[in-house]
Every structure is written in C-alpha cells, then in structure tokens.
C-alpha cells in the first residue's frame, strides 16, 4: 500500500484540532529554539515542499504529537 502524506494538510489539521494557529505555534517554537520562527517562512516551506524533517518534528512537539514509523504487515 503506497500512502503519500501531505505534510501541509496534516500539520494544518493538527493545529486546528489543538484550537491553535500557526502563528502561536511559531511563537512557542521561537521561544524554545531562542530564534525567530516566522509563520510565513513555515508556510512557504510547506507550499514548496522544502520543510525539513526536523522542522516538522519540532512543530509536532509543540502540538504534543510525534512521528512514528510502523513496519508494514505483509499479507
């Protein structure tokens, strides 16, 4: 089974589930990393599909989620 995940829509969905916004997530992320994290920059990376795996992990951490790799079961 080949499932492609659209990171942009998955992150937007998780942010909405947490009743948050990308701006709030970026503010928290900026405080944690002690650097400026711009919502526009993240949006552009998502749109261009150039966001780094580590950046996605950091965003998910702010939202209290994580990525899990599960081995496919062969029939």
PDB file of N, CA and C in Angstrom:
ATOM      1  N   UNK A   1       0.842  -1.175   0.000  1.00  0.00           N
ATOM      2  CA  UNK A   1       0.000   0.000   0.000  1.00  0.00           C
ATOM      3  C   UNK A   1       0.887   1.237   0.000  1.00  0.00           C
ATOM      4  N   UNK A   2       0.724   2.097  -0.966  1.00  0.00           N
ATOM      5  CA  UNK A   2       1.532   3.304  -1.093  1.00  0.00           C
ATOM      6  C   UNK A   2       0.701   4.505  -0.653  1.00  0.00           C
ATOM      7  N   UNK A   3       0.952   4.980   0.565  1.00  0.00           N
ATOM      8  CA  UNK A   3       0.217   6.128   1.079  1.00  0.00           C
ATOM      9  C   UNK A   3       1.153   7.316   1.150  1.00  0.00           C
ATOM     10  N   UNK A   4       0.843   8.358   0.404  1.00  0.00           N
ATOM     11  CA  UNK A   4       1.620   9.581   0.486  1.00  0.00           C
ATOM     12  C   UNK A   4       0.898  10.543   1.414  1.00  0.00           C
ATOM     13  N   UNK A   5       1.643  11.100   2.322  1.00  0.00           N
ATOM     14  CA  UNK A   5       1.071  12.018   3.292  1.00  0.00           C
ATOM     15  C   UNK A   5       1.382  13.443   2.856  1.00  0.00           C
ATOM     16  N   UNK A   6       0.373  14.289   2.857  1.00  0.00           N
ATOM     17  CA  UNK A   6       0.558  15.694   2.553  1.00  0.00           C
ATOM     18  C   UNK A   6       0.837  16.409   3.873  1.00  0.00           C
ATOM     19  N   UNK A   7       2.097  16.733   4.098  1.00  0.00           N
ATOM     20  CA  UNK A   7       2.528  17.319   5.366  1.00  0.00           C
ATOM     21  C   UNK A   7       1.788  18.624   5.641  1.00  0.00           C
ATOM     22  N   UNK A   8       1.612  19.429   4.622  1.00  0.00           N
ATOM     23  CA  UNK A   8       0.941  20.723   4.786  1.00  0.00           C
ATOM     24  C   UNK A   8      -0.448  20.544   5.392  1.00  0.00           C
ATOM     25  N   UNK A   9      -1.234  19.668   4.808  1.00  0.00           N
ATOM     26  CA  UNK A   9      -2.603  19.478   5.285  1.00  0.00           C
ATOM     27  C   UNK A   9      -2.648  18.748   6.625  1.00  0.00           C
ATOM     28  N   UNK A  10      -1.729  17.836   6.853  1.00  0.00           N
ATOM     29  CA  UNK A  10      -1.679  17.138   8.139  1.00  0.00           C
ATOM     30  C   UNK A  10      -1.355  18.111   9.271  1.00  0.00           C
ATOM     31  N   UNK A  11      -0.354  18.977   9.059  1.00  0.00           N
ATOM     32  CA  UNK A  11       0.002  19.943  10.097  1.00  0.00           C
ATOM     33  C   UNK A  11      -1.142  20.921  10.346  1.00  0.00           C
ATOM     34  N   UNK A  12      -1.759  21.409   9.269  1.00  0.00           N
ATOM     35  CA  UNK A  12      -2.890  22.336   9.426  1.00  0.00           C
ATOM     36  C   UNK A  12      -4.022  21.677  10.209  1.00  0.00           C
ATOM     37  N   UNK A  13      -4.268  20.414   9.927  1.00  0.00           N
ATOM     38  CA  UNK A  13      -5.320  19.675  10.616  1.00  0.00           C
ATOM     39  C   UNK A  13      -5.005  19.534  12.107  1.00  0.00           C
ATOM     40  N   UNK A  14      -3.763  19.192  12.429  1.00  0.00           N
ATOM     41  CA  UNK A  14      -3.374  19.035  13.832  1.00  0.00           C
ATOM     42  C   UNK A  14      -3.428  20.366  14.577  1.00  0.00           C
ATOM     43  N   UNK A  15      -3.020  21.437  13.917  1.00  0.00           N
ATOM     44  CA  UNK A  15      -3.086  22.769  14.533  1.00  0.00           C
ATOM     45  C   UNK A  15      -4.539  23.128  14.827  1.00  0.00           C
ATOM     46  N   UNK A  16      -5.427  22.847  13.887  1.00  0.00           N
ATOM     47  CA  UNK A  16      -6.854  23.125  14.085  1.00  0.00           C
ATOM     48  C   UNK A  16      -7.423  22.275  15.220  1.00  0.00           C
ATOM     49  N   UNK A  17      -7.023  21.002  15.298  1.00  0.00           N
ATOM     50  CA  UNK A  17      -7.501  20.118  16.370  1.00  0.00           C
ATOM     51  C   UNK A  17      -7.104  20.644  17.741  1.00  0.00           C
ATOM     52  N   UNK A  18      -5.958  21.293  17.806  1.00  0.00           N
ATOM     53  CA  UNK A  18      -5.478  21.849  19.069  1.00  0.00           C
ATOM     54  C   UNK A  18      -6.035  23.255  19.315  1.00  0.00           C
ATOM     55  N   UNK A  19      -6.933  23.711  18.428  1.00  0.00           N
ATOM     56  CA  UNK A  19      -7.528  25.050  18.529  1.00  0.00           C
ATOM     57  C   UNK A  19      -6.436  26.105  18.640  1.00  0.00           C
ATOM     58  N   UNK A  20      -5.447  25.960  17.792  1.00  0.00           N
ATOM     59  CA  UNK A  20      -4.309  26.870  17.791  1.00  0.00           C
ATOM     60  C   UNK A  20      -4.176  27.502  16.414  1.00  0.00           C
ATOM     61  N   UNK A  21      -3.079  28.210  16.211  1.00  0.00           N
ATOM     62  CA  UNK A  21      -2.785  28.802  14.907  1.00  0.00           C
ATOM     63  C   UNK A  21      -1.298  28.620  14.634  1.00  0.00           C
ATOM     64  N   UNK A  22      -0.926  28.721  13.366  1.00  0.00           N
ATOM     65  CA  UNK A  22       0.485  28.596  13.008  1.00  0.00           C
ATOM     66  C   UNK A  22       1.295  29.701  13.681  1.00  0.00           C
ATOM     67  N   UNK A  23       0.693  30.871  13.823  1.00  0.00           N
ATOM     68  CA  UNK A  23       1.379  31.987  14.478  1.00  0.00           C
ATOM     69  C   UNK A  23       1.732  31.625  15.921  1.00  0.00           C
ATOM     70  N   UNK A  24       0.773  31.052  16.653  1.00  0.00           N
ATOM     71  CA  UNK A  24       1.027  30.658  18.041  1.00  0.00           C
ATOM     72  C   UNK A  24       2.085  29.564  18.114  1.00  0.00           C
ATOM     73  N   UNK A  25       1.989  28.598  17.211  1.00  0.00           N
ATOM     74  CA  UNK A  25       2.964  27.504  17.178  1.00  0.00           C
ATOM     75  C   UNK A  25       4.364  28.064  16.926  1.00  0.00           C
ATOM     76  N   UNK A  26       4.479  28.995  15.995  1.00  0.00           N
ATOM     77  CA  UNK A  26       5.784  29.593  15.676  1.00  0.00           C
ATOM     78  C   UNK A  26       6.330  30.406  16.845  1.00  0.00           C
ATOM     79  N   UNK A  27       5.446  31.087  17.575  1.00  0.00           N
ATOM     80  CA  UNK A  27       5.889  31.842  18.751  1.00  0.00           C
ATOM     81  C   UNK A  27       6.479  30.898  19.800  1.00  0.00           C
ATOM     82  N   UNK A  28       5.790  29.803  20.072  1.00  0.00           N
ATOM     83  CA  UNK A  28       6.281  28.818  21.052  1.00  0.00           C
ATOM     84  C   UNK A  28       7.588  28.203  20.568  1.00  0.00           C
ATOM     85  N   UNK A  29       7.627  27.849  19.296  1.00  0.00           N
ATOM     86  CA  UNK A  29       8.827  27.254  18.713  1.00  0.00           C
ATOM     87  C   UNK A  29      10.001  28.222  18.783  1.00  0.00           C
ATOM     88  N   UNK A  30       9.740  29.489  18.504  1.00  0.00           N
ATOM     89  CA  UNK A  30      10.779  30.514  18.580  1.00  0.00           C
ATOM     90  C   UNK A  30      11.353  30.653  19.982  1.00  0.00           C
ATOM     91  N   UNK A  31      10.478  30.608  20.989  1.00  0.00           N
ATOM     92  CA  UNK A  31      10.943  30.684  22.381  1.00  0.00           C
ATOM     93  C   UNK A  31      11.786  29.469  22.739  1.00  0.00           C
ATOM     94  N   UNK A  32      11.362  28.297  22.291  1.00  0.00           N
ATOM     95  CA  UNK A  32      12.104  27.067  22.601  1.00  0.00           C
ATOM     96  C   UNK A  32      13.473  27.044  21.941  1.00  0.00           C
ATOM     97  N   UNK A  33      13.541  27.551  20.713  1.00  0.00           N
ATOM     98  CA  UNK A  33      14.796  27.499  19.958  1.00  0.00           C
ATOM     99  C   UNK A  33      15.620  28.772  20.142  1.00  0.00           C
ATOM    100  N   UNK A  34      15.025  29.761  20.830  1.00  0.00           N
ATOM    101  CA  UNK A  34      15.676  31.047  21.044  1.00  0.00           C
ATOM    102  C   UNK A  34      16.068  31.711  19.725  1.00  0.00           C
ATOM    103  N   UNK A  35      15.138  31.655  18.774  1.00  0.00           N
ATOM    104  CA  UNK A  35      15.345  32.297  17.474  1.00  0.00           C
ATOM    105  C   UNK A  35      13.990  32.649  16.867  1.00  0.00           C
ATOM    106  N   UNK A  36      13.997  33.515  15.898  1.00  0.00           N
ATOM    107  CA  UNK A  36      12.769  33.932  15.224  1.00  0.00           C
ATOM    108  C   UNK A  36      12.284  32.824  14.293  1.00  0.00           C
ATOM    109  N   UNK A  37      11.031  32.421  14.457  1.00  0.00           N
ATOM    110  CA  UNK A  37      10.408  31.446  13.565  1.00  0.00           C
ATOM    111  C   UNK A  37       9.182  32.119  12.976  1.00  0.00           C
ATOM    112  N   UNK A  38       9.241  32.396  11.696  1.00  0.00           N
ATOM    113  CA  UNK A  38       8.183  33.139  11.015  1.00  0.00           C
ATOM    114  C   UNK A  38       7.115  32.209  10.446  1.00  0.00           C
ATOM    115  N   UNK A  39       5.836  32.497  10.732  1.00  0.00           N
ATOM    116  CA  UNK A  39       4.766  31.702  10.117  1.00  0.00           C
ATOM    117  C   UNK A  39       4.827  31.737   8.588  1.00  0.00           C
ATOM    118  N   UNK A  40       5.203  32.892   8.033  1.00  0.00           N
ATOM    119  CA  UNK A  40       5.317  32.998   6.573  1.00  0.00           C
ATOM    120  C   UNK A  40       6.397  32.075   6.035  1.00  0.00           C
ATOM    121  N   UNK A  41       7.503  31.988   6.746  1.00  0.00           N
ATOM    122  CA  UNK A  41       8.599  31.111   6.332  1.00  0.00           C
ATOM    123  C   UNK A  41       8.149  29.651   6.344  1.00  0.00           C
ATOM    124  N   UNK A  42       7.462  29.248   7.414  1.00  0.00           N
ATOM    125  CA  UNK A  42       6.969  27.867   7.514  1.00  0.00           C
ATOM    126  C   UNK A  42       5.945  27.599   6.417  1.00  0.00           C
ATOM    127  N   UNK A  43       5.032  28.538   6.206  1.00  0.00           N
ATOM    128  CA  UNK A  43       4.013  28.385   5.154  1.00  0.00           C
ATOM    129  C   UNK A  43       4.662  28.214   3.790  1.00  0.00           C
ATOM    130  N   UNK A  44       5.670  29.028   3.502  1.00  0.00           N
ATOM    131  CA  UNK A  44       6.366  28.928   2.211  1.00  0.00           C
ATOM    132  C   UNK A  44       7.072  27.582   2.062  1.00  0.00           C
ATOM    133  N   UNK A  45       7.703  27.114   3.125  1.00  0.00           N
ATOM    134  CA  UNK A  45       8.372  25.810   3.067  1.00  0.00           C
ATOM    135  C   UNK A  45       7.364  24.691   2.833  1.00  0.00           C
ATOM    136  N   UNK A  46       6.208  24.782   3.474  1.00  0.00           N
ATOM    137  CA  UNK A  46       5.164  23.775   3.267  1.00  0.00           C
ATOM    138  C   UNK A  46       4.641  23.824   1.836  1.00  0.00           C
ATOM    139  N   UNK A  47       4.424  25.017   1.331  1.00  0.00           N
ATOM    140  CA  UNK A  47       3.905  25.179  -0.032  1.00  0.00           C
ATOM    141  C   UNK A  47       4.888  24.644  -1.067  1.00  0.00           C
ATOM    142  N   UNK A  48       6.192  24.925  -0.847  1.00  0.00           N
ATOM    143  CA  UNK A  48       7.225  24.490  -1.800  1.00  0.00           C
ATOM    144  C   UNK A  48       7.695  23.056  -1.543  1.00  0.00           C
ATOM    145  N   UNK A  49       7.199  22.468  -0.454  1.00  0.00           N
ATOM    146  CA  UNK A  49       7.595  21.111  -0.045  1.00  0.00           C
ATOM    147  C   UNK A  49       9.094  21.025   0.243  1.00  0.00           C
ATOM    148  N   UNK A  50       9.606  22.057   0.938  1.00  0.00           N
ATOM    149  CA  UNK A  50      11.028  22.096   1.285  1.00  0.00           C
ATOM    150  C   UNK A  50      11.259  22.091   2.795  1.00  0.00           C
ATOM    151  N   UNK A  51      10.208  21.847   3.559  1.00  0.00           N
ATOM    152  CA  UNK A  51      10.358  21.839   5.018  1.00  0.00           C
ATOM    153  C   UNK A  51      11.183  20.618   5.427  1.00  0.00           C
ATOM    154  N   UNK A  52      12.067  20.820   6.378  1.00  0.00           N
ATOM    155  CA  UNK A  52      12.943  19.741   6.836  1.00  0.00           C
ATOM    156  C   UNK A  52      12.200  18.836   7.817  1.00  0.00           C
ATOM    157  N   UNK A  53      12.611  17.587   7.836  1.00  0.00           N
ATOM    158  CA  UNK A  53      12.032  16.602   8.751  1.00  0.00           C
ATOM    159  C   UNK A  53      12.123  17.103  10.190  1.00  0.00           C
ATOM    160  N   UNK A  54      13.268  17.653  10.553  1.00  0.00           N
ATOM    161  CA  UNK A  54      13.481  18.163  11.908  1.00  0.00           C
ATOM    162  C   UNK A  54      12.508  19.296  12.241  1.00  0.00           C
ATOM    163  N   UNK A  55      12.220  20.150  11.263  1.00  0.00           N
ATOM    164  CA  UNK A  55      11.273  21.242  11.484  1.00  0.00           C
ATOM    165  C   UNK A  55       9.864  20.703  11.727  1.00  0.00           C
ATOM    166  N   UNK A  56       9.492  19.680  10.984  1.00  0.00           N
ATOM    167  CA  UNK A  56       8.186  19.046  11.188  1.00  0.00           C
ATOM    168  C   UNK A  56       8.134  18.433  12.585  1.00  0.00           C
ATOM    169  N   UNK A  57       9.203  17.758  12.992  1.00  0.00           N
ATOM    170  CA  UNK A  57       9.261  17.171  14.334  1.00  0.00           C
ATOM    171  C   UNK A  57       9.118  18.249  15.408  1.00  0.00           C
ATOM    172  N   UNK A  58       9.780  19.387  15.210  1.00  0.00           N
ATOM    173  CA  UNK A  58       9.702  20.483  16.180  1.00  0.00           C
ATOM    174  C   UNK A  58       8.275  21.023  16.290  1.00  0.00           C
ATOM    175  N   UNK A  59       7.616  21.188  15.153  1.00  0.00           N
ATOM    176  CA  UNK A  59       6.232  21.674  15.147  1.00  0.00           C
ATOM    177  C   UNK A  59       5.326  20.665  15.840  1.00  0.00           C
ATOM    178  N   UNK A  60       5.510  19.398  15.523  1.00  0.00           N
ATOM    179  CA  UNK A  60       4.704  18.356  16.152  1.00  0.00           C
ATOM    180  C   UNK A  60       4.934  18.320  17.659  1.00  0.00           C
ATOM    181  N   UNK A  61       6.160  18.553  18.091  1.00  0.00           N
ATOM    182  CA  UNK A  61       6.468  18.571  19.517  1.00  0.00           C
ATOM    183  C   UNK A  61       5.686  19.679  20.224  1.00  0.00           C
ATOM    184  N   UNK A  62       5.609  20.843  19.602  1.00  0.00           N
ATOM    185  CA  UNK A  62       4.826  21.952  20.162  1.00  0.00           C
ATOM    186  C   UNK A  62       3.365  21.540  20.317  1.00  0.00           C
ATOM    187  N   UNK A  63       2.873  20.754  19.366  1.00  0.00           N
ATOM    188  CA  UNK A  63       1.473  20.320  19.368  1.00  0.00           C
ATOM    189  C   UNK A  63       1.248  19.048  20.193  1.00  0.00           C
ATOM    190  N   UNK A  64       2.312  18.550  20.828  1.00  0.00           N
ATOM    191  CA  UNK A  64       2.260  17.307  21.618  1.00  0.00           C
ATOM    192  C   UNK A  64       1.945  16.078  20.772  1.00  0.00           C
ATOM    193  N   UNK A  65       2.533  16.021  19.596  1.00  0.00           N
ATOM    194  CA  UNK A  65       2.438  14.855  18.717  1.00  0.00           C
ATOM    195  C   UNK A  65       3.850  14.400  18.384  1.00  0.00           C
ATOM    196  N   UNK A  66       3.962  13.213  17.812  1.00  0.00           N
ATOM    197  CA  UNK A  66       5.254  12.722  17.332  1.00  0.00           C
ATOM    198  C   UNK A  66       5.025  11.853  16.097  1.00  0.00           C
ATOM    199  N   UNK A  67       6.106  11.619  15.383  1.00  0.00           N
ATOM    200  CA  UNK A  67       6.061  10.761  14.201  1.00  0.00           C
ATOM    201  C   UNK A  67       6.451   9.357  14.639  1.00  0.00           C
ATOM    202  N   UNK A  68       5.728   8.394  14.142  1.00  0.00           N
ATOM    203  CA  UNK A  68       6.022   7.004  14.473  1.00  0.00           C
ATOM    204  C   UNK A  68       6.120   6.201  13.185  1.00  0.00           C
ATOM    205  N   UNK A  69       7.182   5.428  13.065  1.00  0.00           N
ATOM    206  CA  UNK A  69       7.354   4.556  11.910  1.00  0.00           C
ATOM    207  C   UNK A  69       6.888   3.160  12.296  1.00  0.00           C
ATOM    208  N   UNK A  70       5.996   2.623  11.489  1.00  0.00           N
ATOM    209  CA  UNK A  70       5.442   1.303  11.758  1.00  0.00           C
ATOM    210  C   UNK A  70       5.701   0.426  10.542  1.00  0.00           C
ATOM    211  N   UNK A  71       6.262  -0.741  10.795  1.00  0.00           N
ATOM    212  CA  UNK A  71       6.552  -1.668   9.703  1.00  0.00           C
ATOM    213  C   UNK A  71       5.249  -2.147   9.070  1.00  0.00           C
ATOM    214  N   UNK A  72       5.234  -2.176   7.739  1.00  0.00           N
ATOM    215  CA  UNK A  72       4.069  -2.694   7.022  1.00  0.00           C
ATOM    216  C   UNK A  72       3.956  -4.189   7.249  1.00  0.00           C
ATOM    217  N   UNK A  73       2.761  -4.632   7.455  1.00  0.00           N
ATOM    218  CA  UNK A  73       2.496  -6.069   7.607  1.00  0.00           C
ATOM    219  C   UNK A  73       2.292  -6.669   6.228  1.00  0.00           C
ATOM    220  N   UNK A  74       3.006  -7.728   5.948  1.00  0.00           N
ATOM    221  CA  UNK A  74       2.853  -8.418   4.660  1.00  0.00           C
ATOM    222  C   UNK A  74       1.743  -9.439   4.793  1.00  0.00           C
ATOM    223  N   UNK A  75       0.917  -9.512   3.770  1.00  0.00           N
ATOM    224  CA  UNK A  75      -0.206 -10.465   3.792  1.00  0.00           C
ATOM    225  C   UNK A  75       0.240 -11.847   3.418  1.00  0.00           C
TER     226      UNK A  75
END
